[in-house]
């Protein structure tokens, strides 16, 4: 973890492990320290988490959660004598996440280690300990991403504790605990927020898709006023755009590529989240046709150069592309079983998909590279949302989603189809769909494109995993279309 001392507080963020036990021991030699502030940590090593938690408990220190604190981080938090949430991040992004032990390398569950976690939680929660809830958190897991989420109920009292057996569990299938909150369960000991000023290294990331933002707007207020006048029709739009100047980070603004209209977002955990939310709201303005958008501002950063640089990078990387010697990479031609996908996969979409999608041609890495280098290249759509993509590709964020509720399914299909027609307007031109790798998300998107009327859909099953394994060039992803 990254550690920094500020007065009586020790701030800690990132993954638990490595030399952390030694580093915490060293930091705790400062007699001024009495509080450990845990900032947006996904967890890490169970054994380091247990040891550092015991160290915090033995010192009698207090702990504070700033943002999310899950897995091994939750063990550190529970070591605190007094435990509180903070106001550092939006309440929707502030929570403690508790689950059972697993292998950090392959994700396999290690239930034999859970009694140590159980004992730590029982000691920390005291008389408020609820064996049923804790056992559910530790043992009711389908994979390593199963999680009991204990939200900040101080600022968001309607948000219940809930448990999802898997990282792929649909929200409707997670189990809520409406009669229990962080205080009554003994996760926090006090129902008052700690006001924090985070050190600069602990502030929300200024990276967007892996690139640090460094170009600042010369005059943000003047820029927002100009956007309000040029892109807004309604008074509400103008008021919300100009009000962004006074809102807390992380915030973003997007404008339509054609016609009037803008989208905005604030109070997000990072500028990346803010940009996605702003572009989505810009794409899908109520009672207006769907349109592609450009994110122009995030916090006080000017993002317009980001798009022009990406276009140049795509052209350069496409020119560098060479057809690889092998047909397939990263076992893209294997796994998932023989058969043809005919319906969308809603549950566990990250599982290995079938080999074929109905009405869609499956292509391998070598064939795709050859097609992209031809005189008549296909259109290509990436639904992964990864930091980089295949050169000449457009990205449709969250394009692989699927829903079982009819109203949600219908609305999503309309959004997907409208955006796809803007990104690839010729329905008779070959269209390649791909994602991160072999999963159902890209299969869903390929099937949906076929059902949207595209006559020649190709599915690059191996996706970016296979493309990178072949050591082929990739280019910067840009955010213009967000489907969900």
Foldseek 3Di string as FASTA:
>chain_A
DDWDDDFQEIEDEEEDDDCVLVVVVVVVVPVRHQEYEYFYYAYYDQVSLQNLLCVNLVVQHAYEYEFEQEDSSLSNNLSHPAYYYAPNADQVRTWYKAEADADPPPFHGDLVPRVSVVVSLCVSQDPLADVVVNCCRYPLAPTNAWIFIATLCLVPVQDFTWTDRYPQGDPVPIGTDNVDHCCSNNSGVDNDHDYDDDDPVRAAACDALNRHFDAFDPDQLVVLQVLLVPAPDDPVSSVVSNCVLVADDFKWKKAFPDHHFIFMDGRDRHVNVRQLRRLACRQCPPPDAGTWIATQDTNRTGCPVVVVVQLVQLVVQLVVFDQFPDQAFPPLQDDAEADEDEAADAGPQFHFHHNYYPLAAEGHRNVQNVQSNDPQHFAEEEAASHFWFHRNHAYAHQLLHADDPVVVRVLLLVQSLSVVCVSPVDLAGEYEFEYQARGRSSSSNQNSSVVSRRNHYYYHHGGPVTCVRSVGDITGHGDTHYRD
